[in-house]
Amino acid sequence: MGMLIAKDNLGFGMRSWRYGAVINDGVVEKWFEEEGYSDNCGDDPYGVSSPQNILANIDEKEPVAA
Protein backbone atom coordinates (compact mmCIF):
# COMPACT_ATOMS: atom_id res chain seq x y z
CA MET A 1 0.00 0.00 0.00
CA GLY A 2 2.97 2.31 0.42
CA MET A 3 1.61 3.73 3.67
CA LEU A 4 4.33 2.62 6.13
CA ILE A 5 5.72 5.46 8.27
CA ALA A 6 7.89 5.92 11.35
CA LYS A 7 6.02 6.91 14.51
CA ASP A 8 8.98 6.68 16.90
CA ASN A 9 8.13 10.09 18.33
CA LEU A 10 4.87 8.67 19.72
CA GLY A 11 6.38 5.35 20.80
CA PHE A 12 4.82 3.28 17.98
CA GLY A 13 7.87 2.54 15.81
CA MET A 14 7.00 1.65 12.21
CA ARG A 15 3.29 1.43 11.44
CA SER A 16 0.78 2.10 8.73
CA TRP A 17 -0.60 5.61 8.27
CA ARG A 18 -4.34 5.73 8.96
CA TYR A 19 -6.50 5.14 5.91
CA GLY A 20 -9.60 3.25 4.88
CA ALA A 21 -10.95 2.07 1.57
CA VAL A 22 -14.07 0.71 -0.06
CA ILE A 23 -12.95 -2.17 -2.28
CA ASN A 24 -15.28 -4.06 -4.60
CA ASP A 25 -14.00 -7.14 -6.46
CA GLY A 26 -10.41 -5.94 -6.02
CA VAL A 27 -11.15 -2.42 -7.28
CA VAL A 28 -10.67 0.53 -4.91
CA GLU A 29 -13.88 2.53 -5.25
CA LYS A 30 -13.30 5.06 -2.47
CA TRP A 31 -10.20 6.06 -0.50
CA PHE A 32 -10.14 7.77 2.90
CA GLU A 33 -6.69 8.97 4.02
CA GLU A 34 -5.88 11.12 7.02
CA GLU A 35 -4.06 14.38 6.28
CA GLY A 36 -0.47 14.91 7.33
CA TYR A 37 1.10 11.71 5.96
CA SER A 38 4.74 11.88 7.07
CA ASP A 39 7.29 10.17 9.27
CA ASN A 40 7.11 11.23 12.92
CA CYS A 41 4.06 13.43 12.40
CA GLY A 42 3.40 15.49 15.52
CA ASP A 43 -0.03 13.97 16.07
CA ASP A 44 -1.99 10.85 15.19
CA PRO A 45 -5.07 12.08 13.28
CA TYR A 46 -8.22 9.98 13.22
CA GLY A 47 -11.45 11.13 11.60
CA VAL A 48 -11.42 10.79 7.82
CA SER A 49 -10.63 7.07 8.08
CA SER A 50 -13.04 6.35 10.93
CA PRO A 51 -15.69 3.69 10.29
CA GLN A 52 -18.40 6.26 10.98
CA ASN A 53 -17.07 8.59 8.27
CA ILE A 54 -16.59 5.81 5.75
CA LEU A 55 -20.11 4.46 6.29
CA ALA A 56 -21.56 7.97 6.03
CA ASN A 57 -19.84 8.42 2.65
CA ILE A 58 -20.77 5.14 0.99
CA ASP A 59 -23.14 5.69 -1.91
CA GLU A 60 -23.71 2.41 -3.75
CA LYS A 61 -25.33 4.19 -6.70
CA GLU A 62 -22.25 6.22 -7.67
CA PRO A 63 -18.94 4.45 -6.93
CA VAL A 64 -15.90 6.73 -7.13
CA ALA A 65 -12.64 5.43 -8.57
CA ALA A 66 -9.55 6.05 -6.44
PDB file of N, CA and C in Angstrom:
ATOM      1  N   MET A   1       0.827  -1.201   0.000  1.00  0.00           N
ATOM      2  CA  MET A   1       0.000   0.000   0.000  1.00  0.00           C
ATOM      3  C   MET A   1       0.864   1.256   0.000  1.00  0.00           C
ATOM      4  N   GLY A   2       2.113   1.140   0.408  1.00  0.00           N
ATOM      5  CA  GLY A   2       2.973   2.313   0.424  1.00  0.00           C
ATOM      6  C   GLY A   2       2.638   3.297   1.525  1.00  0.00           C
ATOM      7  N   MET A   3       2.058   2.825   2.605  1.00  0.00           N
ATOM      8  CA  MET A   3       1.611   3.725   3.669  1.00  0.00           C
ATOM      9  C   MET A   3       2.401   3.558   4.965  1.00  0.00           C
ATOM     10  N   LEU A   4       3.544   2.851   4.931  1.00  0.00           N
ATOM     11  CA  LEU A   4       4.335   2.619   6.134  1.00  0.00           C
ATOM     12  C   LEU A   4       5.110   3.889   6.509  1.00  0.00           C
ATOM     13  N   ILE A   5       5.028   4.269   7.771  1.00  0.00           N
ATOM     14  CA  ILE A   5       5.720   5.456   8.269  1.00  0.00           C
ATOM     15  C   ILE A   5       6.350   5.163   9.622  1.00  0.00           C
ATOM     16  N   ALA A   6       7.290   6.001  10.014  1.00  0.00           N
ATOM     17  CA  ALA A   6       7.894   5.919  11.350  1.00  0.00           C
ATOM     18  C   ALA A   6       7.059   6.754  12.311  1.00  0.00           C
ATOM     19  N   LYS A   7       6.744   6.187  13.464  1.00  0.00           N
ATOM     20  CA  LYS A   7       6.021   6.914  14.514  1.00  0.00           C
ATOM     21  C   LYS A   7       6.792   6.794  15.824  1.00  0.00           C
ATOM     22  N   ASP A   8       8.131   6.803  15.723  1.00  0.00           N
ATOM     23  CA  ASP A   8       8.984   6.677  16.903  1.00  0.00           C
ATOM     24  C   ASP A   8       8.720   7.786  17.919  1.00  0.00           C
ATOM     25  N   ASN A   9       8.369   8.971  17.434  1.00  0.00           N
ATOM     26  CA  ASN A   9       8.135  10.093  18.332  1.00  0.00           C
ATOM     27  C   ASN A   9       6.936   9.868  19.260  1.00  0.00           C
ATOM     28  N   LEU A  10       6.036   8.976  18.885  1.00  0.00           N
ATOM     29  CA  LEU A  10       4.873   8.666  19.719  1.00  0.00           C
ATOM     30  C   LEU A  10       4.983   7.282  20.348  1.00  0.00           C
ATOM     31  N   GLY A  11       6.150   6.646  20.181  1.00  0.00           N
ATOM     32  CA  GLY A  11       6.376   5.347  20.797  1.00  0.00           C
ATOM     33  C   GLY A  11       5.813   4.163  20.032  1.00  0.00           C
ATOM     34  N   PHE A  12       5.420   4.361  18.764  1.00  0.00           N
ATOM     35  CA  PHE A  12       4.824   3.285  17.981  1.00  0.00           C
ATOM     36  C   PHE A  12       5.832   2.532  17.119  1.00  0.00           C
ATOM     37  N   GLY A  13       6.961   3.143  16.768  1.00  0.00           N
ATOM     38  CA  GLY A  13       7.872   2.542  15.807  1.00  0.00           C
ATOM     39  C   GLY A  13       7.287   2.642  14.409  1.00  0.00           C
ATOM     40  N   MET A  14       7.548   1.651  13.573  1.00  0.00           N
ATOM     41  CA  MET A  14       7.001   1.648  12.209  1.00  0.00           C
ATOM     42  C   MET A  14       5.558   1.158  12.255  1.00  0.00           C
ATOM     43  N   ARG A  15       4.692   1.834  11.519  1.00  0.00           N
ATOM     44  CA  ARG A  15       3.291   1.434  11.441  1.00  0.00           C
ATOM     45  C   ARG A  15       2.673   2.008  10.179  1.00  0.00           C
ATOM     46  N   SER A  16       1.480   1.599   9.900  1.00  0.00           N
ATOM     47  CA  SER A  16       0.777   2.104   8.733  1.00  0.00           C
ATOM     48  C   SER A  16       0.116   3.435   9.077  1.00  0.00           C
ATOM     49  N   TRP A  17       0.166   4.372   8.114  1.00  0.00           N
ATOM     50  CA  TRP A  17      -0.595   5.607   8.267  1.00  0.00           C
ATOM     51  C   TRP A  17      -2.076   5.242   8.249  1.00  0.00           C
ATOM     52  N   ARG A  18      -2.906   6.057   8.890  1.00  0.00           N
ATOM     53  CA  ARG A  18      -4.340   5.733   8.955  1.00  0.00           C
ATOM     54  C   ARG A  18      -5.021   6.015   7.613  1.00  0.00           C
ATOM     55  N   TYR A  19      -5.719   5.013   7.144  1.00  0.00           N
ATOM     56  CA  TYR A  19      -6.496   5.139   5.914  1.00  0.00           C
ATOM     57  C   TYR A  19      -7.591   4.078   5.932  1.00  0.00           C
ATOM     58  N   GLY A  20      -8.548   4.243   5.077  1.00  0.00           N
ATOM     59  CA  GLY A  20      -9.596   3.248   4.884  1.00  0.00           C
ATOM     60  C   GLY A  20      -9.966   3.240   3.416  1.00  0.00           C
ATOM     61  N   ALA A  21     -10.574   2.167   2.970  1.00  0.00           N
ATOM     62  CA  ALA A  21     -10.948   2.067   1.567  1.00  0.00           C
ATOM     63  C   ALA A  21     -12.206   1.241   1.417  1.00  0.00           C
ATOM     64  N   VAL A  22     -12.950   1.541   0.364  1.00  0.00           N
ATOM     65  CA  VAL A  22     -14.072   0.707  -0.056  1.00  0.00           C
ATOM     66  C   VAL A  22     -13.571  -0.027  -1.292  1.00  0.00           C
ATOM     67  N   ILE A  23     -13.488  -1.357  -1.191  1.00  0.00           N
ATOM     68  CA  ILE A  23     -12.949  -2.175  -2.278  1.00  0.00           C
ATOM     69  C   ILE A  23     -14.018  -3.154  -2.733  1.00  0.00           C
ATOM     70  N   ASN A  24     -14.258  -3.190  -4.028  1.00  0.00           N
ATOM     71  CA  ASN A  24     -15.279  -4.060  -4.603  1.00  0.00           C
ATOM     72  C   ASN A  24     -14.632  -4.907  -5.686  1.00  0.00           C
ATOM     73  N   ASP A  25     -14.610  -6.217  -5.493  1.00  0.00           N
ATOM     74  CA  ASP A  25     -14.002  -7.139  -6.462  1.00  0.00           C
ATOM     75  C   ASP A  25     -12.573  -6.725  -6.816  1.00  0.00           C
ATOM     76  N   GLY A  26     -11.802  -6.306  -5.806  1.00  0.00           N
ATOM     77  CA  GLY A  26     -10.406  -5.937  -6.016  1.00  0.00           C
ATOM     78  C   GLY A  26     -10.193  -4.544  -6.571  1.00  0.00           C
ATOM     79  N   VAL A  27     -11.252  -3.771  -6.750  1.00  0.00           N
ATOM     80  CA  VAL A  27     -11.150  -2.418  -7.280  1.00  0.00           C
ATOM     81  C   VAL A  27     -11.419  -1.426  -6.149  1.00  0.00           C
ATOM     82  N   VAL A  28     -10.475  -0.503  -5.932  1.00  0.00           N
ATOM     83  CA  VAL A  28     -10.669   0.532  -4.912  1.00  0.00           C
ATOM     84  C   VAL A  28     -11.671   1.542  -5.455  1.00  0.00           C
ATOM     85  N   GLU A  29     -12.833   1.605  -4.811  1.00  0.00           N
ATOM     86  CA  GLU A  29     -13.876   2.529  -5.252  1.00  0.00           C
ATOM     87  C   GLU A  29     -13.815   3.850  -4.512  1.00  0.00           C
ATOM     88  N   LYS A  30     -13.431   3.833  -3.251  1.00  0.00           N
ATOM     89  CA  LYS A  30     -13.298   5.063  -2.466  1.00  0.00           C
ATOM     90  C   LYS A  30     -12.093   4.922  -1.545  1.00  0.00           C
ATOM     91  N   TRP A  31     -11.408   6.036  -1.315  1.00  0.00           N
ATOM     92  CA  TRP A  31     -10.200   6.060  -0.503  1.00  0.00           C
ATOM     93  C   TRP A  31     -10.336   7.160   0.544  1.00  0.00           C
ATOM     94  N   PHE A  32     -10.022   6.834   1.785  1.00  0.00           N
ATOM     95  CA  PHE A  32     -10.144   7.773   2.902  1.00  0.00           C
ATOM     96  C   PHE A  32      -8.799   7.813   3.631  1.00  0.00           C
ATOM     97  N   GLU A  33      -8.032   8.867   3.435  1.00  0.00           N
ATOM     98  CA  GLU A  33      -6.692   8.973   4.019  1.00  0.00           C
ATOM     99  C   GLU A  33      -6.609  10.202   4.918  1.00  0.00           C
ATOM    100  N   GLU A  34      -6.067  10.000   6.110  1.00  0.00           N
ATOM    101  CA  GLU A  34      -5.882  11.118   7.023  1.00  0.00           C
ATOM    102  C   GLU A  34      -4.842  12.089   6.457  1.00  0.00           C
ATOM    103  N   GLU A  35      -5.024  13.371   6.711  1.00  0.00           N
ATOM    104  CA  GLU A  35      -4.059  14.382   6.278  1.00  0.00           C
ATOM    105  C   GLU A  35      -2.798  14.309   7.132  1.00  0.00           C
ATOM    106  N   GLY A  36      -1.708  14.806   6.580  1.00  0.00           N
ATOM    107  CA  GLY A  36      -0.467  14.908   7.330  1.00  0.00           C
ATOM    108  C   GLY A  36       0.471  13.736   7.180  1.00  0.00           C
ATOM    109  N   TYR A  37       0.267  12.889   6.168  1.00  0.00           N
ATOM    110  CA  TYR A  37       1.100  11.707   5.959  1.00  0.00           C
ATOM    111  C   TYR A  37       2.567  12.088   5.959  1.00  0.00           C
ATOM    112  N   SER A  38       3.304  11.648   6.978  1.00  0.00           N
ATOM    113  CA  SER A  38       4.745  11.884   7.066  1.00  0.00           C
ATOM    114  C   SER A  38       5.320  11.090   8.226  1.00  0.00           C
ATOM    115  N   ASP A  39       6.613  10.819   8.154  1.00  0.00           N
ATOM    116  CA  ASP A  39       7.287  10.175   9.271  1.00  0.00           C
ATOM    117  C   ASP A  39       7.275  11.102  10.475  1.00  0.00           C
ATOM    118  N   ASN A  40       7.074  10.516  11.645  1.00  0.00           N
ATOM    119  CA  ASN A  40       7.106  11.226  12.921  1.00  0.00           C
ATOM    120  C   ASN A  40       6.233  12.481  12.941  1.00  0.00           C
ATOM    121  N   CYS A  41       5.051  12.358  12.358  1.00  0.00           N
ATOM    122  CA  CYS A  41       4.058  13.432  12.396  1.00  0.00           C
ATOM    123  C   CYS A  41       3.782  13.776  13.857  1.00  0.00           C
ATOM    124  N   GLY A  42       3.578  15.035  14.150  1.00  0.00           N
ATOM    125  CA  GLY A  42       3.399  15.488  15.520  1.00  0.00           C
ATOM    126  C   GLY A  42       2.163  14.965  16.222  1.00  0.00           C
ATOM    127  N   ASP A  43       1.176  14.522  15.455  1.00  0.00           N
ATOM    128  CA  ASP A  43      -0.026  13.969  16.073  1.00  0.00           C
ATOM    129  C   ASP A  43      -0.412  12.666  15.379  1.00  0.00           C
ATOM    130  N   ASP A  44      -1.516  12.110  15.758  1.00  0.00           N
ATOM    131  CA  ASP A  44      -1.986  10.848  15.186  1.00  0.00           C
ATOM    132  C   ASP A  44      -3.449  11.031  14.789  1.00  0.00           C
ATOM    133  N   PRO A  45      -3.699  11.714  13.652  1.00  0.00           N
ATOM    134  CA  PRO A  45      -5.067  12.079  13.283  1.00  0.00           C
ATOM    135  C   PRO A  45      -5.969  10.869  13.051  1.00  0.00           C
ATOM    136  N   TYR A  46      -7.230  11.039  13.406  1.00  0.00           N
ATOM    137  CA  TYR A  46      -8.221   9.980  13.217  1.00  0.00           C
ATOM    138  C   TYR A  46      -9.583  10.626  13.062  1.00  0.00           C
ATOM    139  N   GLY A  47     -10.133  10.557  11.886  1.00  0.00           N
ATOM    140  CA  GLY A  47     -11.445  11.130  11.605  1.00  0.00           C
ATOM    141  C   GLY A  47     -11.898  10.748  10.214  1.00  0.00           C
ATOM    142  N   VAL A  48     -11.099  11.104   9.214  1.00  0.00           N
ATOM    143  CA  VAL A  48     -11.423  10.790   7.817  1.00  0.00           C
ATOM    144  C   VAL A  48     -11.542   9.288   7.612  1.00  0.00           C
ATOM    145  N   SER A  49     -10.643   8.522   8.266  1.00  0.00           N
ATOM    146  CA  SER A  49     -10.628   7.071   8.077  1.00  0.00           C
ATOM    147  C   SER A  49     -11.459   6.313   9.107  1.00  0.00           C
ATOM    148  N   SER A  50     -12.223   7.024   9.913  1.00  0.00           N
ATOM    149  CA  SER A  50     -13.038   6.346  10.927  1.00  0.00           C
ATOM    150  C   SER A  50     -14.172   5.565  10.266  1.00  0.00           C
ATOM    151  N   PRO A  51     -14.580   4.465  10.861  1.00  0.00           N
ATOM    152  CA  PRO A  51     -15.690   3.690  10.290  1.00  0.00           C
ATOM    153  C   PRO A  51     -16.953   4.533  10.122  1.00  0.00           C
ATOM    154  N   GLN A  52     -17.210   5.414  11.066  1.00  0.00           N
ATOM    155  CA  GLN A  52     -18.400   6.256  10.985  1.00  0.00           C
ATOM    156  C   GLN A  52     -18.366   7.150   9.743  1.00  0.00           C
ATOM    157  N   ASN A  53     -17.192   7.743   9.447  1.00  0.00           N
ATOM    158  CA  ASN A  53     -17.067   8.594   8.273  1.00  0.00           C
ATOM    159  C   ASN A  53     -17.173   7.791   6.989  1.00  0.00           C
ATOM    160  N   ILE A  54     -16.535   6.637   6.955  1.00  0.00           N
ATOM    161  CA  ILE A  54     -16.586   5.805   5.748  1.00  0.00           C
ATOM    162  C   ILE A  54     -18.027   5.377   5.468  1.00  0.00           C
ATOM    163  N   LEU A  55     -18.722   4.887   6.491  1.00  0.00           N
ATOM    164  CA  LEU A  55     -20.112   4.459   6.293  1.00  0.00           C
ATOM    165  C   LEU A  55     -21.006   5.619   5.862  1.00  0.00           C
ATOM    166  N   ALA A  56     -20.761   6.805   6.396  1.00  0.00           N
ATOM    167  CA  ALA A  56     -21.564   7.974   6.029  1.00  0.00           C
ATOM    168  C   ALA A  56     -21.328   8.397   4.583  1.00  0.00           C
ATOM    169  N   ASN A  57     -20.189   8.000   4.010  1.00  0.00           N
ATOM    170  CA  ASN A  57     -19.842   8.418   2.652  1.00  0.00           C
ATOM    171  C   ASN A  57     -20.007   7.334   1.600  1.00  0.00           C
ATOM    172  N   ILE A  58     -20.543   6.205   1.971  1.00  0.00           N
ATOM    173  CA  ILE A  58     -20.775   5.143   0.993  1.00  0.00           C
ATOM    174  C   ILE A  58     -22.076   5.437   0.243  1.00  0.00           C
ATOM    175  N   ASP A  59     -21.972   5.497  -1.066  1.00  0.00           N
ATOM    176  CA  ASP A  59     -23.145   5.691  -1.911  1.00  0.00           C
ATOM    177  C   ASP A  59     -23.060   4.624  -3.005  1.00  0.00           C
ATOM    178  N   GLU A  60     -23.799   3.551  -2.832  1.00  0.00           N
ATOM    179  CA  GLU A  60     -23.710   2.409  -3.748  1.00  0.00           C
ATOM    180  C   GLU A  60     -24.119   2.750  -5.172  1.00  0.00           C
ATOM    181  N   LYS A  61     -24.853   3.840  -5.359  1.00  0.00           N
ATOM    182  CA  LYS A  61     -25.326   4.190  -6.696  1.00  0.00           C
ATOM    183  C   LYS A  61     -24.221   4.821  -7.551  1.00  0.00           C
ATOM    184  N   GLU A  62     -23.271   5.512  -6.918  1.00  0.00           N
ATOM    185  CA  GLU A  62     -22.247   6.219  -7.667  1.00  0.00           C
ATOM    186  C   GLU A  62     -20.859   5.929  -7.112  1.00  0.00           C
ATOM    187  N   PRO A  63     -20.292   4.740  -7.415  1.00  0.00           N
ATOM    188  CA  PRO A  63     -18.941   4.447  -6.928  1.00  0.00           C
ATOM    189  C   PRO A  63     -17.919   5.433  -7.522  1.00  0.00           C
ATOM    190  N   VAL A  64     -16.933   5.794  -6.718  1.00  0.00           N
ATOM    191  CA  VAL A  64     -15.900   6.733  -7.130  1.00  0.00           C
ATOM    192  C   VAL A  64     -14.580   5.981  -7.235  1.00  0.00           C
ATOM    193  N   ALA A  65     -13.941   6.083  -8.386  1.00  0.00           N
ATOM    194  CA  ALA A  65     -12.637   5.428  -8.574  1.00  0.00           C
ATOM    195  C   ALA A  65     -11.584   6.179  -7.775  1.00  0.00           C
ATOM    196  N   ALA A  66     -10.628   5.439  -7.236  1.00  0.00           N
ATOM    197  CA  ALA A  66      -9.555   6.050  -6.444  1.00  0.00           C
ATOM    198  C   ALA A  66      -8.532   6.708  -7.340  1.00  0.00           C
TER     199      ALA A  66
END
